[in-house]
Every structure is written in C-alpha cells, then in structure tokens.
C-alpha cells in the first residue's frame, strides 16, 4: 500500500474538503470523518519516513478540520428568527 500513497493522498485531501449542501444541510460530514479516520489509520500503519513525503499535502486539509470541525453549525438561513408575537404564558407557577 505505501506504493499507492501518491495516488491515494490527493483523493484523501479531496475527501477532507468534501461538502455538498442539500437544502439547508450538508452531507459531507460523514465523508470528512471517514477521511480523518483514514489519516489516523495511515499514521498508525506506516512508518514516519513513509508518510513524510505526503505530510505537506495532508497537513493543510487536516488543519482545516481541526480549526473548523463543523463547517455548518447553524443550518438555519435566518440566524435571527422573528420572535413569536403571541407567546403562550408559562403554565408553571
């Protein structure tokens, strides 16, 4: 498998940046999580000397995941919804 890293690493970087919006939600979370797991698995499986040539390509993509693990925290397009003009009174005393 180390011989295929030059082919796999660009695909892994694309998976780390994967984000497709469907309506008000993103469907990329599972793909990005899986890509992070693959990076972790590679780091565990291969010697540092094997991964060293690919760190420069993987590091920026991984840092984006660390800095912004949830790129769509508020799928509501209106972050300031209008309050209910007729709120029900709280039944608790």
N, C-alpha and C. Protein backbone atom coordinates (compact mmCIF):
# COMPACT_ATOMS: atom_id res chain seq x y z
N UNK A 1 0.80 -1.21 0.00
CA UNK A 1 0.00 0.00 0.00
C UNK A 1 0.84 1.27 0.00
N UNK A 2 1.99 1.35 0.65
CA UNK A 2 2.75 2.59 0.60
C UNK A 2 3.07 3.04 -0.83
N UNK A 3 3.20 2.10 -1.75
CA UNK A 3 3.49 2.48 -3.13
C UNK A 3 2.31 3.21 -3.78
N UNK A 4 1.11 3.06 -3.23
CA UNK A 4 -0.08 3.71 -3.80
C UNK A 4 -0.41 5.03 -3.12
N UNK A 5 0.36 5.41 -2.10
CA UNK A 5 0.09 6.67 -1.40
C UNK A 5 0.05 7.87 -2.34
N UNK A 6 0.94 7.98 -3.33
CA UNK A 6 0.84 9.14 -4.24
C UNK A 6 -0.51 9.23 -4.96
N UNK A 7 -1.16 8.10 -5.18
CA UNK A 7 -2.49 8.12 -5.81
C UNK A 7 -3.59 8.40 -4.79
N UNK A 8 -3.42 7.89 -3.57
CA UNK A 8 -4.47 7.95 -2.56
C UNK A 8 -4.52 9.30 -1.85
N UNK A 9 -3.37 9.91 -1.59
CA UNK A 9 -3.33 11.15 -0.80
C UNK A 9 -4.13 12.28 -1.44
N UNK A 10 -4.05 12.53 -2.76
CA UNK A 10 -4.90 13.59 -3.33
C UNK A 10 -6.40 13.30 -3.16
N UNK A 11 -6.79 12.02 -3.26
CA UNK A 11 -8.19 11.67 -3.04
C UNK A 11 -8.59 11.89 -1.59
N UNK A 12 -7.67 11.60 -0.70
CA UNK A 12 -7.91 11.82 0.72
C UNK A 12 -8.08 13.31 1.02
N UNK A 13 -7.26 14.13 0.40
CA UNK A 13 -7.39 15.59 0.59
C UNK A 13 -8.74 16.08 0.07
N UNK A 14 -9.17 15.53 -1.06
CA UNK A 14 -10.49 15.91 -1.60
C UNK A 14 -11.59 15.48 -0.64
N UNK A 15 -11.46 14.31 -0.04
CA UNK A 15 -12.46 13.84 0.91
C UNK A 15 -12.47 14.70 2.17
N UNK A 16 -11.32 15.20 2.59
CA UNK A 16 -11.26 16.07 3.77
C UNK A 16 -11.95 17.41 3.53
N UNK A 17 -12.07 17.80 2.28
CA UNK A 17 -12.73 19.07 1.94
C UNK A 17 -14.14 18.87 1.40
N UNK A 18 -14.62 17.64 1.36
CA UNK A 18 -15.91 17.33 0.76
C UNK A 18 -17.04 18.00 1.52
N UNK A 19 -17.88 18.73 0.79
CA UNK A 19 -19.03 19.40 1.40
C UNK A 19 -20.04 19.71 0.31
N UNK A 20 -21.14 19.03 0.34
CA UNK A 20 -22.22 19.28 -0.62
C UNK A 20 -23.46 19.64 0.18
N UNK A 21 -24.05 20.76 -0.16
CA UNK A 21 -25.26 21.19 0.54
C UNK A 21 -26.48 20.63 -0.15
N UNK A 22 -27.35 20.06 0.64
CA UNK A 22 -28.65 19.57 0.15
C UNK A 22 -29.70 20.28 0.97
N UNK A 23 -30.32 21.26 0.37
CA UNK A 23 -31.29 22.06 1.10
C UNK A 23 -30.57 22.89 2.15
N UNK A 24 -30.97 22.74 3.39
CA UNK A 24 -30.37 23.52 4.46
C UNK A 24 -29.32 22.72 5.23
N UNK A 25 -28.93 21.55 4.72
CA UNK A 25 -27.98 20.71 5.45
C UNK A 25 -26.80 20.33 4.56
N UNK A 26 -25.73 19.92 5.18
CA UNK A 26 -24.54 19.46 4.48
C UNK A 26 -24.46 17.94 4.60
N UNK A 27 -24.09 17.28 3.51
CA UNK A 27 -23.95 15.83 3.54
C UNK A 27 -22.49 15.40 3.56
N UNK A 28 -21.58 16.31 3.80
CA UNK A 28 -20.18 15.99 3.76
C UNK A 28 -19.58 15.52 5.07
N UNK A 29 -20.30 15.63 6.16
CA UNK A 29 -19.74 15.31 7.47
C UNK A 29 -19.22 13.88 7.55
N UNK A 30 -19.98 12.93 7.07
CA UNK A 30 -19.57 11.53 7.17
C UNK A 30 -18.33 11.26 6.31
N UNK A 31 -18.26 11.89 5.15
CA UNK A 31 -17.11 11.71 4.27
C UNK A 31 -15.86 12.29 4.92
N UNK A 32 -15.99 13.50 5.49
CA UNK A 32 -14.83 14.13 6.15
C UNK A 32 -14.40 13.33 7.37
N UNK A 33 -15.34 12.81 8.14
CA UNK A 33 -15.00 11.99 9.31
C UNK A 33 -14.25 10.73 8.88
N UNK A 34 -14.72 10.10 7.82
CA UNK A 34 -14.06 8.89 7.33
C UNK A 34 -12.65 9.21 6.84
N UNK A 35 -12.48 10.35 6.19
CA UNK A 35 -11.16 10.74 5.71
C UNK A 35 -10.21 11.00 6.88
N UNK A 36 -10.72 11.61 7.94
CA UNK A 36 -9.89 11.81 9.13
C UNK A 36 -9.47 10.47 9.73
N UNK A 37 -10.39 9.52 9.74
CA UNK A 37 -10.06 8.19 10.26
C UNK A 37 -8.97 7.53 9.40
N UNK A 38 -9.07 7.67 8.08
CA UNK A 38 -8.05 7.09 7.19
C UNK A 38 -6.69 7.73 7.47
N UNK A 39 -6.65 9.03 7.68
CA UNK A 39 -5.38 9.70 8.02
C UNK A 39 -4.81 9.12 9.31
N UNK A 40 -5.66 8.93 10.31
CA UNK A 40 -5.22 8.36 11.57
C UNK A 40 -4.70 6.94 11.34
N UNK A 41 -5.42 6.15 10.54
CA UNK A 41 -5.02 4.76 10.28
C UNK A 41 -3.69 4.72 9.53
N UNK A 42 -3.50 5.61 8.58
CA UNK A 42 -2.21 5.66 7.87
C UNK A 42 -1.08 6.00 8.83
N UNK A 43 -1.33 6.96 9.70
CA UNK A 43 -0.30 7.36 10.66
C UNK A 43 0.07 6.21 11.58
N UNK A 44 -0.88 5.36 11.90
CA UNK A 44 -0.62 4.20 12.76
C UNK A 44 0.05 3.06 11.99
N UNK A 45 -0.30 2.91 10.71
CA UNK A 45 0.15 1.75 9.94
C UNK A 45 1.53 1.93 9.30
N UNK A 46 1.88 3.16 8.94
CA UNK A 46 3.11 3.38 8.19
C UNK A 46 4.16 4.08 9.03
N UNK A 47 5.38 3.79 8.73
CA UNK A 47 6.50 4.46 9.40
C UNK A 47 6.49 5.95 9.03
N UNK A 48 6.98 6.81 9.92
CA UNK A 48 7.04 8.24 9.61
C UNK A 48 7.78 8.54 8.30
N UNK A 49 8.80 7.77 8.01
CA UNK A 49 9.57 8.01 6.78
C UNK A 49 8.71 7.74 5.53
N UNK A 50 7.72 6.86 5.64
CA UNK A 50 6.83 6.57 4.51
C UNK A 50 5.83 7.71 4.33
N UNK A 51 5.35 8.27 5.42
CA UNK A 51 4.35 9.34 5.36
C UNK A 51 4.95 10.72 5.12
N UNK A 52 6.23 10.89 5.43
CA UNK A 52 6.87 12.21 5.36
C UNK A 52 6.67 12.92 4.02
N UNK A 53 6.81 12.25 2.89
CA UNK A 53 6.62 12.96 1.61
C UNK A 53 5.20 13.48 1.39
N UNK A 54 4.25 12.98 2.15
CA UNK A 54 2.84 13.34 1.93
C UNK A 54 2.29 14.29 2.98
N UNK A 55 3.07 14.56 4.00
CA UNK A 55 2.60 15.41 5.09
C UNK A 55 2.29 16.82 4.59
N UNK A 56 3.10 17.32 3.69
CA UNK A 56 2.87 18.68 3.17
C UNK A 56 1.54 18.83 2.47
N UNK A 57 1.05 17.77 1.88
CA UNK A 57 -0.24 17.82 1.21
C UNK A 57 -1.39 17.57 2.18
N UNK A 58 -1.19 16.68 3.14
CA UNK A 58 -2.26 16.35 4.08
C UNK A 58 -2.44 17.38 5.19
N UNK A 59 -1.36 17.97 5.65
CA UNK A 59 -1.42 18.85 6.82
C UNK A 59 -2.41 20.00 6.67
N UNK A 60 -2.41 20.75 5.57
CA UNK A 60 -3.39 21.86 5.48
C UNK A 60 -4.83 21.38 5.54
N UNK A 61 -5.13 20.26 4.90
CA UNK A 61 -6.50 19.74 4.92
C UNK A 61 -6.90 19.30 6.31
N UNK A 62 -5.97 18.69 7.04
CA UNK A 62 -6.27 18.26 8.40
C UNK A 62 -6.42 19.45 9.34
N UNK A 63 -5.61 20.48 9.15
CA UNK A 63 -5.70 21.67 10.00
C UNK A 63 -7.05 22.35 9.83
N UNK A 64 -7.58 22.35 8.62
CA UNK A 64 -8.91 22.94 8.40
C UNK A 64 -9.94 22.17 9.22
N UNK A 65 -9.82 20.85 9.28
CA UNK A 65 -10.75 20.04 10.06
C UNK A 65 -10.63 20.32 11.55
N UNK A 66 -9.43 20.54 12.01
CA UNK A 66 -9.23 20.84 13.44
C UNK A 66 -9.76 22.22 13.77
N UNK A 67 -9.50 23.18 12.89
CA UNK A 67 -9.92 24.56 13.15
C UNK A 67 -11.42 24.74 12.99
N UNK A 68 -12.04 23.95 12.13
CA UNK A 68 -13.46 24.11 11.86
C UNK A 68 -14.10 22.73 11.71
N UNK A 69 -14.27 22.00 12.81
CA UNK A 69 -14.80 20.64 12.71
C UNK A 69 -16.25 20.57 12.27
N UNK A 70 -16.99 21.66 12.37
CA UNK A 70 -18.39 21.68 11.96
C UNK A 70 -18.62 22.90 11.08
N UNK A 71 -18.38 22.77 9.77
CA UNK A 71 -18.46 23.94 8.91
C UNK A 71 -19.86 24.52 8.75
N UNK A 72 -20.88 23.80 9.17
CA UNK A 72 -22.24 24.28 9.04
C UNK A 72 -22.97 24.14 10.38
N UNK A 73 -22.52 24.88 11.41
CA UNK A 73 -23.11 24.69 12.74
C UNK A 73 -24.55 25.15 12.84
N UNK A 74 -24.97 26.10 12.01
CA UNK A 74 -26.33 26.62 12.09
C UNK A 74 -26.93 26.56 10.70
N UNK A 75 -27.61 25.46 10.36
CA UNK A 75 -28.17 25.36 9.02
C UNK A 75 -29.33 26.31 8.77
N UNK A 76 -29.80 27.00 9.81
CA UNK A 76 -30.90 27.94 9.67
C UNK A 76 -30.40 29.15 8.86
N UNK A 77 -30.99 29.41 7.70
CA UNK A 77 -30.53 30.55 6.90
C UNK A 77 -30.82 31.90 7.55
N UNK A 78 -31.74 31.92 8.53
CA UNK A 78 -32.06 33.16 9.22
C UNK A 78 -31.57 33.04 10.66
N UNK A 79 -30.39 33.55 10.98
CA UNK A 79 -29.86 33.37 12.33
C UNK A 79 -30.60 34.18 13.39
N UNK A 80 -31.45 35.10 12.96
CA UNK A 80 -32.21 35.93 13.90
C UNK A 80 -33.70 35.79 13.59
N UNK A 81 -34.30 34.67 13.98
CA UNK A 81 -35.72 34.48 13.67
C UNK A 81 -36.59 35.49 14.40
N UNK A 82 -37.71 35.79 13.79
CA UNK A 82 -38.66 36.71 14.38
C UNK A 82 -39.31 36.04 15.58
N UNK A 83 -39.35 36.71 16.73
CA UNK A 83 -39.98 36.09 17.90
C UNK A 83 -41.48 35.93 17.68
N UNK A 84 -42.04 34.96 18.35
CA UNK A 84 -43.47 34.70 18.26
C UNK A 84 -44.22 35.89 18.86
N UNK A 85 -45.12 36.55 18.08
CA UNK A 85 -45.81 37.73 18.60
C UNK A 85 -46.86 37.37 19.66
N UNK A 86 -47.31 36.12 19.71
CA UNK A 86 -48.32 35.69 20.68
C UNK A 86 -47.80 34.50 21.48
N UNK A 87 -46.80 34.72 22.32
CA UNK A 87 -46.27 33.57 23.08
C UNK A 87 -47.28 33.09 24.10
N UNK A 88 -47.30 31.78 24.30
CA UNK A 88 -48.19 31.21 25.32
C UNK A 88 -47.57 31.46 26.69
N UNK A 89 -48.41 31.79 27.67
CA UNK A 89 -47.86 32.00 29.02
C UNK A 89 -47.33 30.68 29.58
N UNK A 90 -46.33 30.78 30.41
CA UNK A 90 -45.75 29.62 31.06
C UNK A 90 -46.74 29.10 32.10
N UNK A 91 -47.17 27.81 31.99
CA UNK A 91 -48.17 27.30 32.94
C UNK A 91 -47.60 27.03 34.32
N UNK A 92 -46.30 27.06 34.46
CA UNK A 92 -45.71 26.81 35.78
C UNK A 92 -45.83 28.05 36.66
N UNK A 93 -46.08 27.84 37.96
CA UNK A 93 -46.19 29.00 38.84
C UNK A 93 -44.85 29.65 39.12
